[in-house]
N, C-alpha and C. Protein backbone atom coordinates (compact mmCIF):
# COMPACT_ATOMS: atom_id res chain seq x y z
N MET A 1 0.92 -1.11 0.03
CA MET A 1 0.03 0.16 0.05
C MET A 1 0.75 1.20 -0.03
N HIS A 2 1.94 1.15 0.78
CA HIS A 2 2.67 2.27 0.83
C HIS A 2 3.38 2.73 -0.70
N ASN A 3 3.76 1.78 -1.32
CA ASN A 3 4.25 2.01 -2.71
C ASN A 3 3.22 2.70 -3.57
N MET A 4 1.90 2.25 -3.61
CA MET A 4 0.89 2.82 -4.13
C MET A 4 0.69 4.35 -3.77
N THR A 5 0.79 4.64 -2.58
CA THR A 5 0.66 6.16 -1.98
C THR A 5 1.87 6.87 -2.71
N LYS A 6 3.07 6.31 -2.70
CA LYS A 6 4.22 6.91 -3.13
C LYS A 6 4.03 7.06 -4.64
N TRP A 7 3.50 6.33 -5.43
CA TRP A 7 3.23 6.36 -6.83
C TRP A 7 2.55 7.43 -7.21
N MET A 8 1.25 7.60 -6.47
CA MET A 8 0.31 8.59 -6.63
C MET A 8 0.84 9.85 -6.57
N GLN A 9 1.83 10.10 -5.41
CA GLN A 9 2.23 11.24 -5.03
C GLN A 9 3.28 11.76 -6.24
N ILE A 10 4.14 10.72 -6.80
CA ILE A 10 4.96 11.19 -7.77
C ILE A 10 4.18 11.45 -9.37
N LYS A 11 3.24 10.77 -9.35
CA LYS A 11 2.24 10.95 -10.64
C LYS A 11 1.86 12.35 -10.66
N TYR A 12 1.19 12.76 -9.46
CA TYR A 12 0.39 14.29 -9.50
C TYR A 12 1.43 15.20 -8.98
N GLU A 13 2.57 15.11 -8.78
CA GLU A 13 3.62 16.02 -8.27
C GLU A 13 3.66 17.12 -9.43
N ALA A 14 3.82 16.86 -10.76
CA ALA A 14 4.10 17.57 -11.73
C ALA A 14 2.88 18.45 -11.96
N MET A 15 1.52 18.09 -11.55
CA MET A 15 0.54 18.94 -11.81
C MET A 15 0.22 19.85 -10.69
N THR A 16 0.28 20.95 -10.75
CA THR A 16 -0.03 22.15 -9.94
C THR A 16 -1.13 22.89 -10.67
N ILE A 17 -2.39 22.64 -10.19
CA ILE A 17 -3.37 23.17 -10.82
C ILE A 17 -4.14 24.25 -9.90
N LYS A 18 -4.18 25.37 -10.42
CA LYS A 18 -5.09 26.42 -9.71
C LYS A 18 -5.82 27.41 -10.96
N PRO A 19 -6.82 28.02 -10.37
CA PRO A 19 -7.34 28.83 -11.33
C PRO A 19 -6.52 30.10 -11.85
N ILE A 20 -6.84 30.37 -13.08
CA ILE A 20 -6.20 31.50 -13.81
C ILE A 20 -6.91 32.86 -13.56
N LYS A 21 -6.41 33.67 -12.66
CA LYS A 21 -7.07 34.98 -12.19
C LYS A 21 -6.49 36.06 -12.70
N THR A 22 -5.23 36.20 -13.16
CA THR A 22 -4.53 37.37 -13.54
C THR A 22 -3.67 37.18 -14.84
N LYS A 23 -3.44 38.20 -15.65
CA LYS A 23 -2.42 38.13 -16.78
C LYS A 23 -1.32 37.35 -16.36
N LYS A 24 -0.81 37.42 -15.33
CA LYS A 24 0.57 36.78 -14.73
C LYS A 24 0.23 35.30 -14.65
N ASP A 25 -0.92 34.97 -14.19
CA ASP A 25 -1.26 33.59 -13.99
C ASP A 25 -1.59 32.92 -15.54
N TYR A 26 -2.09 33.83 -16.37
CA TYR A 26 -2.44 33.35 -17.76
C TYR A 26 -1.17 33.13 -18.61
N GLN A 27 -0.05 33.99 -18.21
CA GLN A 27 1.07 33.72 -19.15
C GLN A 27 1.85 32.49 -18.64
N ALA A 28 1.79 32.30 -17.20
CA ALA A 28 2.53 31.25 -16.71
C ALA A 28 1.71 29.94 -17.28
N ALA A 29 0.31 30.00 -17.36
CA ALA A 29 -0.28 28.75 -17.95
C ALA A 29 0.21 28.44 -19.25
N MET A 30 0.38 29.66 -20.09
CA MET A 30 0.44 29.58 -21.55
C MET A 30 2.05 29.06 -21.67
N ASN A 31 3.01 29.47 -20.90
CA ASN A 31 4.14 28.83 -20.80
C ASN A 31 4.35 27.36 -20.45
N ARG A 32 3.48 26.96 -19.51
CA ARG A 32 3.42 25.63 -19.12
C ARG A 32 2.77 24.86 -20.34
N LEU A 33 1.83 25.40 -20.96
CA LEU A 33 1.26 24.71 -22.07
C LEU A 33 2.30 24.36 -23.01
N ASP A 34 2.87 25.49 -23.57
CA ASP A 34 4.13 25.26 -24.39
C ASP A 34 5.06 24.08 -24.06
N ALA A 35 5.22 23.98 -22.82
CA ALA A 35 6.22 23.13 -22.45
C ALA A 35 5.85 21.74 -22.50
N ILE A 36 4.62 21.43 -22.20
CA ILE A 36 3.88 20.27 -22.25
C ILE A 36 2.90 19.88 -23.53
N PHE A 37 2.89 20.65 -24.36
CA PHE A 37 2.02 20.53 -25.50
C PHE A 37 2.04 19.12 -26.17
N ASP A 38 3.21 18.62 -26.50
CA ASP A 38 3.20 17.23 -27.14
C ASP A 38 3.16 16.11 -26.28
N SER A 39 2.63 16.36 -25.07
CA SER A 39 2.23 15.26 -23.91
C SER A 39 1.49 14.32 -24.56
N LYS A 40 1.59 12.94 -24.25
CA LYS A 40 0.57 11.63 -24.65
C LYS A 40 -0.71 11.78 -23.96
N PRO A 41 -1.88 11.39 -24.35
CA PRO A 41 -2.94 11.41 -23.44
C PRO A 41 -2.82 10.27 -22.73
N GLY A 42 -3.43 10.44 -21.44
CA GLY A 42 -3.36 9.30 -20.50
C GLY A 42 -2.07 9.18 -19.54
N THR A 43 -1.12 10.15 -19.92
CA THR A 43 0.04 10.25 -18.98
C THR A 43 -0.30 11.27 -18.12
N PRO A 44 0.69 11.53 -16.99
CA PRO A 44 0.28 12.79 -15.89
C PRO A 44 0.45 14.03 -16.75
N THR A 45 1.39 14.11 -17.64
CA THR A 45 1.37 15.46 -18.26
C THR A 45 0.29 15.79 -19.09
N GLY A 46 -0.10 14.65 -19.87
CA GLY A 46 -1.14 14.59 -20.73
C GLY A 46 -2.55 15.21 -20.03
N ASP A 47 -2.62 14.47 -18.72
CA ASP A 47 -3.72 14.89 -18.10
C ASP A 47 -3.78 16.44 -17.67
N GLU A 48 -2.52 16.77 -17.39
CA GLU A 48 -2.14 18.13 -16.97
C GLU A 48 -2.73 19.17 -18.30
N LEU A 49 -2.32 18.71 -19.36
CA LEU A 49 -2.39 19.59 -20.47
C LEU A 49 -3.82 19.46 -21.00
N GLU A 50 -4.65 18.59 -20.61
CA GLU A 50 -6.04 18.70 -20.83
C GLU A 50 -6.60 19.53 -19.85
N ILE A 51 -6.38 19.47 -18.46
CA ILE A 51 -6.97 20.51 -17.66
C ILE A 51 -6.40 21.89 -17.91
N LEU A 52 -5.29 22.00 -18.04
CA LEU A 52 -4.87 23.39 -18.19
C LEU A 52 -5.41 24.04 -19.43
N THR A 53 -5.76 23.20 -20.55
CA THR A 53 -6.30 24.01 -21.83
C THR A 53 -7.76 24.27 -21.36
N MET A 54 -8.55 23.51 -20.52
CA MET A 54 -9.67 23.90 -20.10
C MET A 54 -9.55 25.51 -19.34
N LEU A 55 -8.76 25.42 -18.44
CA LEU A 55 -8.58 26.63 -17.42
C LEU A 55 -8.25 27.75 -18.53
N ILE A 56 -7.33 27.74 -19.51
CA ILE A 56 -6.92 28.67 -20.41
C ILE A 56 -8.12 28.91 -21.17
N GLU A 57 -8.97 28.20 -21.65
CA GLU A 57 -10.05 28.65 -22.58
C GLU A 57 -11.06 29.39 -21.76
N LYS A 58 -11.24 28.99 -20.46
CA LYS A 58 -12.21 29.55 -19.62
C LYS A 58 -11.66 31.22 -19.22
N TYR A 59 -10.32 31.24 -19.15
CA TYR A 59 -10.01 32.55 -18.79
C TYR A 59 -10.02 33.40 -20.09
N GLU A 60 -9.73 32.89 -21.20
CA GLU A 60 -9.84 33.65 -22.52
C GLU A 60 -11.28 34.00 -22.89
N ASP A 61 -12.32 33.25 -22.71
CA ASP A 61 -13.50 33.37 -22.87
C ASP A 61 -14.22 34.70 -21.93
N GLU A 62 -13.54 34.79 -20.81
CA GLU A 62 -14.02 35.91 -19.81
C GLU A 62 -13.15 37.20 -19.97
N HIS A 63 -11.77 36.99 -20.37
CA HIS A 63 -11.03 38.15 -20.41
C HIS A 63 -10.25 38.55 -21.64
N VAL A 64 -10.43 37.86 -22.64
CA VAL A 64 -9.52 38.08 -23.88
C VAL A 64 -10.56 38.35 -25.05
N GLN A 65 -10.72 39.66 -25.48
CA GLN A 65 -11.39 40.05 -26.51
C GLN A 65 -10.84 39.87 -27.78
N ILE A 66 -11.44 39.09 -28.70
CA ILE A 66 -10.73 38.85 -30.15
C ILE A 66 -11.81 39.50 -31.00
N ASP A 67 -11.02 40.50 -31.65
CA ASP A 67 -11.93 41.46 -32.67
C ASP A 67 -11.98 40.63 -33.98
N TYR A 68 -13.17 41.07 -34.49
CA TYR A 68 -13.31 40.43 -36.11
C TYR A 68 -12.35 41.14 -37.04
N PRO A 69 -11.95 40.39 -37.93
CA PRO A 69 -11.25 41.02 -38.90
C PRO A 69 -12.07 42.10 -39.72
N ASP A 70 -11.27 43.02 -40.41
CA ASP A 70 -12.02 43.96 -41.35
C ASP A 70 -12.41 43.04 -42.43
N PRO A 71 -13.73 43.34 -42.73
CA PRO A 71 -14.59 42.53 -43.83
C PRO A 71 -13.86 42.44 -45.21
N ILE A 72 -13.16 43.55 -45.45
CA ILE A 72 -12.66 43.44 -46.76
C ILE A 72 -11.32 42.60 -46.93
N GLU A 73 -10.60 42.88 -45.80
CA GLU A 73 -9.30 41.88 -45.66
C GLU A 73 -9.85 40.50 -45.48
N ALA A 74 -11.07 40.22 -45.03
CA ALA A 74 -11.54 38.91 -44.70
C ALA A 74 -11.77 38.22 -46.15
N ILE A 75 -12.57 38.99 -47.13
CA ILE A 75 -12.88 38.61 -48.36
C ILE A 75 -11.51 38.55 -49.12
N LYS A 76 -10.61 39.27 -48.97
CA LYS A 76 -9.33 39.25 -49.85
C LYS A 76 -8.54 38.06 -49.39
N PHE A 77 -8.57 37.73 -48.20
CA PHE A 77 -7.92 36.54 -47.58
C PHE A 77 -8.55 35.37 -48.19
N ARG A 78 -9.85 35.25 -48.10
CA ARG A 78 -10.73 34.12 -48.38
C ARG A 78 -10.50 33.83 -49.88
N MET A 79 -10.48 34.89 -50.75
CA MET A 79 -10.34 34.70 -52.25
C MET A 79 -9.12 34.06 -52.52
N GLU A 80 -7.93 34.53 -51.61
CA GLU A 80 -6.72 33.98 -51.96
C GLU A 80 -6.56 32.42 -51.58
N GLN A 81 -7.34 32.06 -50.54
CA GLN A 81 -7.42 30.79 -50.11
C GLN A 81 -7.99 29.97 -51.14
N MET A 82 -8.98 30.51 -51.87
CA MET A 82 -9.88 29.73 -52.83
C MET A 82 -9.43 29.93 -54.15
N GLY A 83 -8.34 30.81 -54.28
CA GLY A 83 -7.79 30.85 -55.79
C GLY A 83 -8.87 31.82 -56.46
N TYR A 84 -9.56 32.46 -56.11
CA TYR A 84 -10.48 33.59 -56.63
C TYR A 84 -9.75 34.63 -57.26
N THR A 85 -10.38 35.20 -58.42
CA THR A 85 -9.64 36.50 -59.02
C THR A 85 -10.89 37.42 -58.78
N GLN A 86 -10.48 38.82 -59.07
CA GLN A 86 -11.53 39.63 -59.09
C GLN A 86 -12.81 39.43 -59.89
N ASN A 87 -12.51 38.65 -60.97
CA ASN A 87 -13.61 38.24 -61.86
C ASN A 87 -14.54 37.39 -61.24
N ASP A 88 -14.06 36.48 -60.41
CA ASP A 88 -14.72 35.44 -59.64
C ASP A 88 -15.68 36.24 -58.63
N LEU A 89 -15.13 37.12 -57.83
CA LEU A 89 -15.85 38.14 -56.98
C LEU A 89 -16.76 38.82 -57.56
N ALA A 90 -16.50 39.22 -58.96
CA ALA A 90 -17.70 40.01 -59.77
C ALA A 90 -18.96 39.22 -60.02
N LYS A 91 -18.73 37.89 -60.21
CA LYS A 91 -19.77 36.93 -60.32
C LYS A 91 -20.62 36.80 -59.14
N VAL A 92 -20.01 37.07 -57.84
CA VAL A 92 -20.90 36.84 -56.73
C VAL A 92 -21.56 38.20 -56.48
N VAL A 93 -20.80 39.36 -56.73
CA VAL A 93 -21.34 40.54 -56.14
C VAL A 93 -22.19 41.36 -57.26
N GLY A 94 -21.89 40.76 -58.42
CA GLY A 94 -22.76 41.35 -59.65
C GLY A 94 -21.97 42.01 -60.85
N LEU A 95 -21.13 42.99 -60.57
CA LEU A 95 -20.51 43.54 -61.63
C LEU A 95 -18.95 43.58 -61.32
N LYS A 96 -18.06 43.78 -62.31
CA LYS A 96 -16.62 43.77 -62.08
C LYS A 96 -16.34 44.96 -61.51
N SER A 97 -16.84 46.20 -61.84
CA SER A 97 -16.74 47.59 -61.35
C SER A 97 -17.06 47.40 -59.60
N ARG A 98 -18.24 46.79 -59.64
CA ARG A 98 -18.65 46.82 -58.21
C ARG A 98 -17.58 45.98 -57.11
N ALA A 99 -17.03 44.66 -57.74
CA ALA A 99 -16.09 44.05 -57.15
C ALA A 99 -14.78 44.93 -56.75
N SER A 100 -14.28 45.52 -57.87
CA SER A 100 -13.16 46.64 -57.74
C SER A 100 -13.41 47.58 -56.46
N GLU A 101 -14.71 48.30 -56.68
CA GLU A 101 -15.00 49.30 -55.58
C GLU A 101 -15.00 48.57 -54.09
N LEU A 102 -15.53 47.48 -54.01
CA LEU A 102 -15.45 46.76 -52.79
C LEU A 102 -14.09 46.41 -52.14
N LEU A 103 -13.30 45.95 -53.32
CA LEU A 103 -11.83 45.60 -52.82
C LEU A 103 -11.02 46.86 -52.48
N ASN A 104 -11.30 47.95 -52.90
CA ASN A 104 -10.82 49.22 -52.69
C ASN A 104 -11.32 50.01 -51.73
N LYS A 105 -12.35 49.45 -51.04
CA LYS A 105 -13.23 50.28 -50.12
C LYS A 105 -13.98 51.53 -50.45
N LYS A 106 -14.22 51.53 -51.71
CA LYS A 106 -14.99 52.61 -52.24
C LYS A 106 -16.55 52.43 -52.18
N ARG A 107 -17.01 51.25 -52.00
CA ARG A 107 -18.19 50.82 -51.88
C ARG A 107 -18.57 50.15 -50.70
N LYS A 108 -19.52 50.30 -49.85
CA LYS A 108 -20.04 49.64 -48.70
C LYS A 108 -20.77 48.31 -49.21
N LEU A 109 -20.54 47.19 -48.30
CA LEU A 109 -21.23 46.00 -48.73
C LEU A 109 -22.91 46.15 -48.35
N THR A 110 -23.71 45.58 -49.35
CA THR A 110 -25.19 45.60 -48.95
C THR A 110 -25.26 44.47 -48.37
N LEU A 111 -26.81 44.30 -47.74
CA LEU A 111 -27.12 43.02 -47.05
C LEU A 111 -27.31 41.99 -48.21
N ASP A 112 -27.63 42.25 -49.38
CA ASP A 112 -27.63 41.35 -50.33
C ASP A 112 -26.26 40.82 -50.77
N MET A 113 -25.43 41.61 -50.78
CA MET A 113 -23.75 41.28 -51.02
C MET A 113 -23.27 40.35 -49.80
N ILE A 114 -23.41 40.75 -48.66
CA ILE A 114 -23.42 39.94 -47.44
C ILE A 114 -23.83 38.53 -47.38
N ARG A 115 -25.10 38.41 -47.89
CA ARG A 115 -25.47 37.17 -48.08
C ARG A 115 -25.00 36.36 -49.03
N LYS A 116 -24.62 36.87 -50.17
CA LYS A 116 -24.02 36.16 -51.37
C LYS A 116 -22.56 35.72 -51.13
N LEU A 117 -21.66 36.76 -50.40
CA LEU A 117 -20.38 36.50 -49.77
C LEU A 117 -20.34 35.42 -48.88
N HIS A 118 -21.49 35.45 -47.97
CA HIS A 118 -21.50 34.38 -47.04
C HIS A 118 -21.59 32.96 -47.57
N ILE A 119 -22.67 32.80 -48.44
CA ILE A 119 -22.90 31.62 -49.08
C ILE A 119 -21.61 31.34 -49.93
N SER A 120 -21.11 32.30 -50.58
CA SER A 120 -20.20 31.77 -51.82
C SER A 120 -18.91 31.53 -51.15
N LEU A 121 -18.39 32.40 -50.18
CA LEU A 121 -17.17 32.44 -49.69
C LEU A 121 -17.01 32.05 -48.45
N SER A 122 -18.08 31.28 -47.91
CA SER A 122 -18.14 30.90 -46.43
C SER A 122 -17.56 31.71 -45.40
N ILE A 123 -17.73 33.22 -45.61
CA ILE A 123 -17.15 34.01 -44.66
C ILE A 123 -18.45 34.20 -43.60
N PRO A 124 -18.10 34.16 -42.15
CA PRO A 124 -19.40 34.41 -41.34
C PRO A 124 -19.92 35.81 -41.41
N THR A 125 -21.22 35.88 -41.39
CA THR A 125 -21.90 37.09 -41.51
C THR A 125 -21.43 38.14 -40.59
N ASP A 126 -21.08 37.83 -39.39
CA ASP A 126 -20.67 38.56 -38.18
C ASP A 126 -19.44 39.28 -38.73
N VAL A 127 -18.56 38.74 -39.47
CA VAL A 127 -17.37 39.43 -39.99
C VAL A 127 -17.70 40.44 -40.91
N LEU A 128 -18.51 40.05 -41.90
CA LEU A 128 -18.98 40.96 -43.02
C LEU A 128 -20.00 42.07 -42.66
N ILE A 129 -20.43 42.03 -41.38
CA ILE A 129 -21.28 43.37 -41.12
C ILE A 129 -20.52 44.48 -40.31
N GLN A 130 -19.18 44.19 -40.10
CA GLN A 130 -18.47 44.94 -39.32
C GLN A 130 -18.27 46.34 -40.17
N GLU A 131 -17.98 47.31 -39.32
CA GLU A 131 -17.60 48.83 -40.05
C GLU A 131 -16.24 48.62 -40.62
N TYR A 132 -15.92 49.34 -41.72
CA TYR A 132 -14.63 49.47 -42.18
C TYR A 132 -14.61 50.86 -42.72
């Protein structure tokens, strides 16, 4: 029985789990995450990685605001990913001149364009409705 208790102490010695409450705690958790990132599931560090990830996600959900990208930059990025040209975009928004005006931020996106871009380029509408 003594050996089992000693094994349990060794197994969980590496894992010091506490809530992430400050930026300093968050940075320490991120550093630890980097150090154990390649841990195998089912190992003590693998268990630590799983728990640490949950704590980091909770902290980020409550404290880290991630801004949406600029809608036009999102369109350009998605076009590049899909191998789209300005002519391909023109087929989505109606006219080549309209596509050019959009890409140069000389024309605002309309609700109809947002719907078409969302369907054709799979860009979330939350991104497309942002001010630019």
